[in-house]
Amino acid sequence: MMPGNVRAGQVISLVEIAGSIRGKVDVPKLADELGADIAVLLPILDTAEMLGLVRTEKGDVLLTDLGLKFQKTTRNKVRMLRDRVATIEPFRTALELASRKKAITAQEVADSLAEIGLKWHYKPDLNEALVRTLLIHWAIYADLLGYDGKSGEFRKAQSRP
């Protein structure tokens, strides 16, 4: 389950910084380099680990082979992770719903996930807002979904095979 407060740019920054420090850095130094306290860093680090970009070992953060490749890529970094992002909630459910329907809403995704006990917030309206934000910040950037801001609907991205 993707942390609700982590954005793609934060993960990209973490990988860039870890890569600039020869691919291995301790967590406190990484937090200092990112200008973030540990409480902010940990969900970013969890997301980077979920995506297979880093691993932690005895308090050190190390770039994986994928992380090194990602760090060296200059364009479309999150698109490079499209298949990995697609396996993490709420994206997996959004893609399943979008493949069955022409258009979906964040509420439909949030409701489907709530039925199986996955929520980012206990208040339904805030949970829906977090799901919408995640879908906008990650699924659109990774070219998994398209978004119509007027209707609030998501559709499967046209360029996705």
N, C-alpha and C. Protein backbone atom coordinates (compact mmCIF):
# COMPACT_ATOMS: atom_id res chain seq x y z
N MET A 1 0.85 -1.18 0.00
CA MET A 1 0.00 0.00 0.00
C MET A 1 0.90 1.24 0.00
N MET A 2 0.73 2.06 -1.00
CA MET A 2 1.54 3.27 -1.15
C MET A 2 1.24 4.25 -0.02
N PRO A 3 2.27 4.76 0.67
CA PRO A 3 2.01 5.78 1.68
C PRO A 3 1.31 6.98 1.06
N GLY A 4 0.30 7.49 1.73
CA GLY A 4 -0.55 8.54 1.18
C GLY A 4 0.09 9.90 1.06
N ASN A 5 1.18 10.12 1.75
CA ASN A 5 1.76 11.46 1.77
C ASN A 5 3.09 11.56 1.01
N VAL A 6 3.41 10.57 0.19
CA VAL A 6 4.68 10.57 -0.53
C VAL A 6 4.43 10.87 -2.00
N ARG A 7 5.21 11.77 -2.53
CA ARG A 7 5.09 12.17 -3.93
C ARG A 7 6.28 11.64 -4.72
N ALA A 8 6.09 11.52 -6.00
CA ALA A 8 7.14 10.99 -6.88
C ALA A 8 8.43 11.81 -6.76
N GLY A 9 8.30 13.11 -6.70
CA GLY A 9 9.48 13.97 -6.61
C GLY A 9 10.32 13.71 -5.37
N GLN A 10 9.67 13.33 -4.28
CA GLN A 10 10.41 13.02 -3.05
C GLN A 10 11.25 11.74 -3.23
N VAL A 11 10.65 10.74 -3.87
CA VAL A 11 11.37 9.49 -4.11
C VAL A 11 12.52 9.74 -5.08
N ILE A 12 12.27 10.52 -6.12
CA ILE A 12 13.32 10.85 -7.07
C ILE A 12 14.47 11.56 -6.37
N SER A 13 14.15 12.52 -5.50
CA SER A 13 15.20 13.23 -4.75
C SER A 13 16.00 12.29 -3.87
N LEU A 14 15.31 11.38 -3.19
CA LEU A 14 16.00 10.42 -2.32
C LEU A 14 17.00 9.60 -3.14
N VAL A 15 16.57 9.09 -4.28
CA VAL A 15 17.45 8.28 -5.12
C VAL A 15 18.60 9.11 -5.67
N GLU A 16 18.32 10.34 -6.08
CA GLU A 16 19.38 11.22 -6.60
C GLU A 16 20.43 11.49 -5.53
N ILE A 17 19.99 11.77 -4.32
CA ILE A 17 20.93 12.07 -3.24
C ILE A 17 21.74 10.83 -2.87
N ALA A 18 21.05 9.69 -2.72
CA ALA A 18 21.76 8.45 -2.39
C ALA A 18 22.77 8.12 -3.49
N GLY A 19 22.41 8.34 -4.73
CA GLY A 19 23.32 8.08 -5.84
C GLY A 19 24.51 9.02 -5.87
N SER A 20 24.28 10.26 -5.48
CA SER A 20 25.39 11.23 -5.47
C SER A 20 26.37 10.97 -4.34
N ILE A 21 25.93 10.18 -3.36
CA ILE A 21 26.82 9.81 -2.24
C ILE A 21 27.26 8.36 -2.43
N ARG A 22 27.58 8.02 -3.64
CA ARG A 22 28.09 6.70 -4.03
C ARG A 22 27.14 5.55 -3.73
N GLY A 23 25.85 5.83 -3.71
CA GLY A 23 24.87 4.75 -3.60
C GLY A 23 24.70 4.14 -2.22
N LYS A 24 25.40 4.65 -1.19
CA LYS A 24 25.25 4.13 0.17
C LYS A 24 25.36 5.30 1.15
N VAL A 25 24.32 5.44 1.98
CA VAL A 25 24.31 6.56 2.93
C VAL A 25 23.52 6.14 4.16
N ASP A 26 23.94 6.62 5.33
CA ASP A 26 23.17 6.26 6.52
C ASP A 26 21.92 7.14 6.60
N VAL A 27 20.91 6.62 7.29
CA VAL A 27 19.59 7.26 7.32
C VAL A 27 19.66 8.69 7.86
N PRO A 28 20.35 8.96 8.99
CA PRO A 28 20.40 10.35 9.47
C PRO A 28 21.04 11.31 8.47
N LYS A 29 22.11 10.87 7.80
CA LYS A 29 22.75 11.75 6.80
C LYS A 29 21.82 11.98 5.62
N LEU A 30 21.10 10.93 5.21
CA LEU A 30 20.14 11.07 4.11
C LEU A 30 19.04 12.06 4.48
N ALA A 31 18.54 11.97 5.71
CA ALA A 31 17.52 12.91 6.18
C ALA A 31 18.06 14.34 6.13
N ASP A 32 19.30 14.50 6.57
CA ASP A 32 19.93 15.82 6.57
C ASP A 32 20.09 16.34 5.14
N GLU A 33 20.55 15.49 4.24
CA GLU A 33 20.74 15.88 2.84
C GLU A 33 19.42 16.24 2.17
N LEU A 34 18.34 15.54 2.53
CA LEU A 34 17.02 15.84 1.98
C LEU A 34 16.37 17.04 2.63
N GLY A 35 16.94 17.47 3.77
CA GLY A 35 16.33 18.57 4.51
C GLY A 35 15.02 18.16 5.17
N ALA A 36 14.95 16.90 5.57
CA ALA A 36 13.72 16.37 6.17
C ALA A 36 14.06 15.68 7.48
N ASP A 37 13.11 15.71 8.41
CA ASP A 37 13.35 14.94 9.63
C ASP A 37 13.01 13.48 9.37
N ILE A 38 13.38 12.63 10.29
CA ILE A 38 13.20 11.18 10.13
C ILE A 38 11.74 10.82 9.89
N ALA A 39 10.81 11.50 10.55
CA ALA A 39 9.38 11.20 10.40
C ALA A 39 8.91 11.44 8.96
N VAL A 40 9.49 12.41 8.29
CA VAL A 40 9.15 12.68 6.88
C VAL A 40 9.90 11.71 5.97
N LEU A 41 11.14 11.40 6.32
CA LEU A 41 11.97 10.53 5.49
C LEU A 41 11.46 9.09 5.44
N LEU A 42 11.01 8.55 6.55
CA LEU A 42 10.67 7.13 6.60
C LEU A 42 9.61 6.70 5.58
N PRO A 43 8.50 7.42 5.41
CA PRO A 43 7.56 7.00 4.36
C PRO A 43 8.15 7.11 2.94
N ILE A 44 9.02 8.08 2.72
CA ILE A 44 9.67 8.22 1.42
C ILE A 44 10.59 7.01 1.19
N LEU A 45 11.32 6.67 2.21
CA LEU A 45 12.21 5.51 2.15
C LEU A 45 11.41 4.22 1.94
N ASP A 46 10.29 4.08 2.65
CA ASP A 46 9.43 2.90 2.47
C ASP A 46 8.95 2.80 1.03
N THR A 47 8.57 3.92 0.44
CA THR A 47 8.07 3.93 -0.94
C THR A 47 9.19 3.55 -1.90
N ALA A 48 10.38 4.10 -1.69
CA ALA A 48 11.51 3.77 -2.56
C ALA A 48 11.86 2.28 -2.45
N GLU A 49 11.73 1.71 -1.25
CA GLU A 49 11.96 0.28 -1.08
C GLU A 49 10.87 -0.54 -1.78
N MET A 50 9.61 -0.11 -1.62
CA MET A 50 8.49 -0.78 -2.27
C MET A 50 8.69 -0.85 -3.78
N LEU A 51 9.26 0.19 -4.34
CA LEU A 51 9.47 0.28 -5.78
C LEU A 51 10.76 -0.42 -6.22
N GLY A 52 11.52 -0.93 -5.27
CA GLY A 52 12.73 -1.66 -5.60
C GLY A 52 13.93 -0.79 -5.94
N LEU A 53 13.89 0.47 -5.53
CA LEU A 53 14.97 1.40 -5.85
C LEU A 53 16.09 1.39 -4.82
N VAL A 54 15.74 1.13 -3.57
CA VAL A 54 16.72 1.10 -2.48
C VAL A 54 16.45 -0.09 -1.58
N ARG A 55 17.46 -0.38 -0.77
CA ARG A 55 17.27 -1.34 0.32
C ARG A 55 18.00 -0.77 1.53
N THR A 56 17.54 -1.13 2.70
CA THR A 56 18.22 -0.68 3.91
C THR A 56 18.91 -1.88 4.54
N GLU A 57 20.09 -1.58 5.05
CA GLU A 57 20.93 -2.62 5.63
C GLU A 57 21.69 -2.00 6.80
N LYS A 58 21.37 -2.43 8.01
CA LYS A 58 22.07 -1.96 9.21
C LYS A 58 22.11 -0.43 9.30
N GLY A 59 20.99 0.22 9.00
CA GLY A 59 20.91 1.67 9.11
C GLY A 59 21.42 2.44 7.91
N ASP A 60 21.91 1.72 6.91
CA ASP A 60 22.38 2.36 5.68
C ASP A 60 21.35 2.16 4.57
N VAL A 61 21.25 3.14 3.71
CA VAL A 61 20.39 3.06 2.53
C VAL A 61 21.30 2.84 1.34
N LEU A 62 21.00 1.79 0.58
CA LEU A 62 21.81 1.45 -0.61
C LEU A 62 20.91 1.41 -1.82
N LEU A 63 21.42 1.93 -2.93
CA LEU A 63 20.68 1.83 -4.19
C LEU A 63 20.77 0.40 -4.70
N THR A 64 19.66 -0.11 -5.20
CA THR A 64 19.65 -1.41 -5.87
C THR A 64 20.15 -1.21 -7.29
N ASP A 65 20.26 -2.30 -8.04
CA ASP A 65 20.64 -2.16 -9.45
C ASP A 65 19.62 -1.31 -10.19
N LEU A 66 18.33 -1.54 -9.89
CA LEU A 66 17.28 -0.72 -10.50
C LEU A 66 17.42 0.74 -10.07
N GLY A 67 17.75 0.96 -8.80
CA GLY A 67 17.94 2.32 -8.29
C GLY A 67 19.08 3.04 -8.99
N LEU A 68 20.17 2.31 -9.25
CA LEU A 68 21.30 2.91 -9.97
C LEU A 68 20.90 3.27 -11.40
N LYS A 69 20.17 2.38 -12.06
CA LYS A 69 19.70 2.65 -13.42
C LYS A 69 18.74 3.84 -13.42
N PHE A 70 17.84 3.86 -12.44
CA PHE A 70 16.86 4.94 -12.29
C PHE A 70 17.57 6.27 -12.08
N GLN A 71 18.59 6.26 -11.22
CA GLN A 71 19.32 7.49 -10.90
C GLN A 71 20.04 8.04 -12.13
N LYS A 72 20.49 7.17 -13.02
CA LYS A 72 21.22 7.61 -14.20
C LYS A 72 20.29 8.06 -15.33
N THR A 73 19.03 7.68 -15.25
CA THR A 73 18.05 8.06 -16.27
C THR A 73 17.74 9.55 -16.11
N THR A 74 17.68 10.27 -17.21
CA THR A 74 17.43 11.71 -17.12
C THR A 74 15.97 12.07 -17.36
N ARG A 75 15.23 11.22 -18.07
CA ARG A 75 13.85 11.57 -18.40
C ARG A 75 12.90 10.44 -18.01
N ASN A 76 11.64 10.83 -17.74
CA ASN A 76 10.56 9.88 -17.50
C ASN A 76 10.89 8.84 -16.43
N LYS A 77 11.41 9.29 -15.32
CA LYS A 77 11.83 8.38 -14.27
C LYS A 77 10.68 7.52 -13.75
N VAL A 78 9.55 8.13 -13.44
CA VAL A 78 8.45 7.35 -12.87
C VAL A 78 7.84 6.42 -13.93
N ARG A 79 7.84 6.84 -15.18
CA ARG A 79 7.35 5.93 -16.24
C ARG A 79 8.19 4.67 -16.30
N MET A 80 9.47 4.81 -15.95
CA MET A 80 10.36 3.66 -15.91
C MET A 80 9.86 2.64 -14.88
N LEU A 81 9.16 3.11 -13.88
CA LEU A 81 8.65 2.26 -12.80
C LEU A 81 7.19 1.85 -12.99
N ARG A 82 6.63 2.13 -14.15
CA ARG A 82 5.21 1.90 -14.41
C ARG A 82 4.74 0.52 -13.94
N ASP A 83 5.42 -0.53 -14.32
CA ASP A 83 4.97 -1.88 -13.96
C ASP A 83 5.02 -2.12 -12.46
N ARG A 84 5.99 -1.55 -11.78
CA ARG A 84 6.07 -1.71 -10.32
C ARG A 84 4.95 -0.92 -9.64
N VAL A 85 4.72 0.31 -10.08
CA VAL A 85 3.65 1.13 -9.50
C VAL A 85 2.31 0.43 -9.68
N ALA A 86 2.11 -0.21 -10.81
CA ALA A 86 0.84 -0.88 -11.13
C ALA A 86 0.50 -2.02 -10.17
N THR A 87 1.48 -2.52 -9.43
CA THR A 87 1.22 -3.65 -8.52
C THR A 87 0.91 -3.20 -7.10
N ILE A 88 1.02 -1.92 -6.83
CA ILE A 88 0.83 -1.38 -5.48
C ILE A 88 -0.54 -0.73 -5.39
N GLU A 89 -1.19 -0.87 -4.23
CA GLU A 89 -2.47 -0.21 -4.01
C GLU A 89 -2.24 1.27 -3.74
N PRO A 90 -3.11 2.12 -4.24
CA PRO A 90 -4.42 1.92 -4.83
C PRO A 90 -4.40 1.72 -6.35
N PHE A 91 -3.20 1.67 -6.93
CA PHE A 91 -3.09 1.65 -8.39
C PHE A 91 -3.58 0.34 -8.98
N ARG A 92 -3.27 -0.77 -8.32
CA ARG A 92 -3.71 -2.08 -8.83
C ARG A 92 -5.23 -2.12 -8.95
N THR A 93 -5.92 -1.69 -7.90
CA THR A 93 -7.39 -1.69 -7.92
C THR A 93 -7.92 -0.70 -8.95
N ALA A 94 -7.31 0.48 -9.04
CA ALA A 94 -7.76 1.47 -10.02
C ALA A 94 -7.63 0.92 -11.43
N LEU A 95 -6.54 0.24 -11.72
CA LEU A 95 -6.34 -0.32 -13.06
C LEU A 95 -7.33 -1.45 -13.34
N GLU A 96 -7.61 -2.28 -12.32
CA GLU A 96 -8.61 -3.34 -12.50
C GLU A 96 -9.98 -2.75 -12.80
N LEU A 97 -10.37 -1.73 -12.02
CA LEU A 97 -11.67 -1.09 -12.25
C LEU A 97 -11.71 -0.40 -13.62
N ALA A 98 -10.62 0.26 -13.99
CA ALA A 98 -10.57 0.98 -15.27
C ALA A 98 -10.60 0.03 -16.46
N SER A 99 -10.13 -1.19 -16.26
CA SER A 99 -10.16 -2.14 -17.37
C SER A 99 -11.57 -2.69 -17.59
N ARG A 100 -12.42 -2.60 -16.56
CA ARG A 100 -13.80 -3.09 -16.67
C ARG A 100 -14.79 -2.00 -17.05
N LYS A 101 -14.44 -0.75 -16.74
CA LYS A 101 -15.35 0.37 -16.99
C LYS A 101 -14.64 1.42 -17.84
N LYS A 102 -15.42 2.23 -18.50
CA LYS A 102 -14.84 3.29 -19.32
C LYS A 102 -14.13 4.33 -18.46
N ALA A 103 -14.77 4.70 -17.34
CA ALA A 103 -14.19 5.71 -16.46
C ALA A 103 -14.49 5.34 -15.02
N ILE A 104 -13.58 5.74 -14.13
CA ILE A 104 -13.75 5.47 -12.70
C ILE A 104 -13.49 6.74 -11.92
N THR A 105 -13.93 6.74 -10.67
CA THR A 105 -13.67 7.88 -9.78
C THR A 105 -12.81 7.42 -8.61
N ALA A 106 -12.21 8.38 -7.95
CA ALA A 106 -11.42 8.07 -6.76
C ALA A 106 -12.31 7.45 -5.69
N GLN A 107 -13.56 7.87 -5.63
CA GLN A 107 -14.48 7.29 -4.64
C GLN A 107 -14.70 5.80 -4.91
N GLU A 108 -14.84 5.43 -6.17
CA GLU A 108 -15.02 4.01 -6.49
C GLU A 108 -13.79 3.20 -6.08
N VAL A 109 -12.62 3.74 -6.32
CA VAL A 109 -11.39 3.05 -5.93
C VAL A 109 -11.32 2.95 -4.40
N ALA A 110 -11.56 4.07 -3.73
CA ALA A 110 -11.51 4.09 -2.26
C ALA A 110 -12.53 3.12 -1.67
N ASP A 111 -13.75 3.08 -2.23
CA ASP A 111 -14.78 2.18 -1.73
C ASP A 111 -14.40 0.71 -1.94
N SER A 112 -13.84 0.40 -3.10
CA SER A 112 -13.41 -0.98 -3.37
C SER A 112 -12.32 -1.42 -2.39
N LEU A 113 -11.40 -0.53 -2.14
CA LEU A 113 -10.32 -0.86 -1.21
C LEU A 113 -10.83 -0.95 0.23
N ALA A 114 -11.76 -0.08 0.60
CA ALA A 114 -12.32 -0.11 1.95
C ALA A 114 -13.04 -1.44 2.20
N GLU A 115 -13.65 -1.99 1.16
CA GLU A 115 -14.34 -3.28 1.29
C GLU A 115 -13.40 -4.40 1.71
N ILE A 116 -12.13 -4.27 1.36
CA ILE A 116 -11.16 -5.30 1.76
C ILE A 116 -10.26 -4.82 2.91
N GLY A 117 -10.67 -3.71 3.53
CA GLY A 117 -9.98 -3.24 4.73
C GLY A 117 -8.79 -2.33 4.49
N LEU A 118 -8.60 -1.82 3.28
CA LEU A 118 -7.49 -0.90 3.00
C LEU A 118 -7.99 0.53 2.97
N LYS A 119 -7.49 1.32 3.90
CA LYS A 119 -7.85 2.73 3.98
C LYS A 119 -6.62 3.53 4.36
N TRP A 120 -6.55 4.74 3.84
CA TRP A 120 -5.48 5.66 4.21
C TRP A 120 -5.93 6.56 5.35
N HIS A 121 -7.23 6.75 5.49
CA HIS A 121 -7.78 7.56 6.57
C HIS A 121 -9.13 6.98 6.98
N TYR A 122 -9.46 7.09 8.25
CA TYR A 122 -10.72 6.51 8.73
C TYR A 122 -11.94 7.30 8.29
N LYS A 123 -11.78 8.59 7.97
CA LYS A 123 -12.91 9.39 7.48
C LYS A 123 -13.05 9.17 5.97
N PRO A 124 -14.22 8.73 5.50
CA PRO A 124 -14.38 8.42 4.08
C PRO A 124 -14.02 9.56 3.13
N ASP A 125 -14.38 10.79 3.46
CA ASP A 125 -14.07 11.89 2.54
C ASP A 125 -12.57 12.17 2.47
N LEU A 126 -11.88 12.06 3.59
CA LEU A 126 -10.42 12.25 3.58
C LEU A 126 -9.72 11.07 2.92
N ASN A 127 -10.25 9.87 3.13
CA ASN A 127 -9.70 8.69 2.48
C ASN A 127 -9.80 8.83 0.95
N GLU A 128 -10.96 9.24 0.49
CA GLU A 128 -11.16 9.45 -0.95
C GLU A 128 -10.20 10.51 -1.49
N ALA A 129 -10.02 11.59 -0.75
CA ALA A 129 -9.11 12.66 -1.18
C ALA A 129 -7.67 12.15 -1.28
N LEU A 130 -7.25 11.32 -0.32
CA LEU A 130 -5.90 10.76 -0.37
C LEU A 130 -5.73 9.81 -1.57
N VAL A 131 -6.75 9.00 -1.84
CA VAL A 131 -6.70 8.11 -2.99
C VAL A 131 -6.61 8.93 -4.28
N ARG A 132 -7.43 9.97 -4.39
CA ARG A 132 -7.41 10.83 -5.58
C ARG A 132 -6.02 11.44 -5.76
N THR A 133 -5.45 11.96 -4.68
CA THR A 133 -4.13 12.57 -4.74
C THR A 133 -3.07 11.57 -5.18
N LEU A 134 -3.12 10.37 -4.62
CA LEU A 134 -2.16 9.34 -5.03
C LEU A 134 -2.30 9.01 -6.51
N LEU A 135 -3.54 8.85 -6.95
CA LEU A 135 -3.77 8.52 -8.36
C LEU A 135 -3.26 9.64 -9.28
N ILE A 136 -3.49 10.87 -8.88
CA ILE A 136 -3.03 12.00 -9.69
C ILE A 136 -1.51 12.09 -9.69
N HIS A 137 -0.90 11.98 -8.52
CA HIS A 137 0.54 12.17 -8.41
C HIS A 137 1.38 11.01 -8.93
N TRP A 138 0.84 9.82 -8.92
CA TRP A 138 1.62 8.66 -9.34
C TRP A 138 1.10 8.02 -10.62
N ALA A 139 -0.19 7.69 -10.67
CA ALA A 139 -0.73 6.93 -11.82
C ALA A 139 -0.69 7.74 -13.10
N ILE A 140 -0.92 9.03 -13.01
CA ILE A 140 -0.86 9.87 -14.21
C ILE A 140 0.59 10.05 -14.63
N TYR A 141 1.45 10.32 -13.67
CA TYR A 141 2.87 10.52 -13.95
C TYR A 141 3.49 9.25 -14.54
N ALA A 142 3.05 8.08 -14.07
CA ALA A 142 3.58 6.81 -14.57
C ALA A 142 2.88 6.37 -15.86
N ASP A 143 1.94 7.18 -16.32
CA ASP A 143 1.20 6.91 -17.55
C ASP A 143 0.35 5.63 -17.44
N LEU A 144 -0.18 5.40 -16.24
CA LEU A 144 -1.11 4.28 -16.03
C LEU A 144 -2.55 4.71 -16.28
N LEU A 145 -2.86 5.94 -15.86
CA LEU A 145 -4.21 6.47 -15.99
C LEU A 145 -4.17 7.89 -16.54
N GLY A 146 -5.26 8.27 -17.17
CA GLY A 146 -5.47 9.66 -17.55
C GLY A 146 -6.52 10.23 -16.62
N TYR A 147 -6.61 11.54 -16.52
CA TYR A 147 -7.54 12.18 -15.58
C TYR A 147 -8.24 13.34 -16.25
N ASP A 148 -9.55 13.41 -16.06
CA ASP A 148 -10.36 14.52 -16.54
C ASP A 148 -10.72 15.36 -15.31
N GLY A 149 -10.09 16.51 -15.19
CA GLY A 149 -10.30 17.36 -14.02
C GLY A 149 -11.72 17.89 -13.89
N LYS A 150 -12.40 18.07 -15.02
CA LYS A 150 -13.79 18.57 -14.96
C LYS A 150 -14.74 17.53 -14.39
N SER A 151 -14.65 16.30 -14.85
CA SER A 151 -15.57 15.26 -14.39
C SER A 151 -15.03 14.53 -13.15
N GLY A 152 -13.72 14.64 -12.90
CA GLY A 152 -13.11 13.93 -11.78
C GLY A 152 -12.94 12.45 -12.07
N GLU A 153 -12.94 12.08 -13.35
CA GLU A 153 -12.85 10.67 -13.72
C GLU A 153 -11.45 10.30 -14.23
N PHE A 154 -11.10 9.07 -13.92
CA PHE A 154 -9.85 8.49 -14.39
C PHE A 154 -10.18 7.47 -15.47
N ARG A 155 -9.30 7.38 -16.46
CA ARG A 155 -9.44 6.39 -17.53
C ARG A 155 -8.08 5.72 -17.73
N LYS A 156 -8.13 4.51 -18.21
CA LYS A 156 -6.90 3.82 -18.53
C LYS A 156 -6.14 4.65 -19.56
N ALA A 157 -4.85 4.83 -19.36
CA ALA A 157 -4.04 5.66 -20.26
C ALA A 157 -4.01 5.06 -21.66
N GLN A 158 -4.07 5.89 -22.65
CA GLN A 158 -4.11 5.44 -24.04
C GLN A 158 -2.81 4.80 -24.48
N SER A 159 -1.68 5.30 -23.94
CA SER A 159 -0.39 4.79 -24.39
C SER A 159 -0.03 3.47 -23.74
N ARG A 160 -0.78 3.06 -22.73
CA ARG A 160 -0.47 1.81 -22.03
C ARG A 160 -0.91 0.63 -22.89
N PRO A 161 -0.03 -0.35 -23.11
CA PRO A 161 -0.39 -1.50 -23.94
C PRO A 161 -1.43 -2.38 -23.27
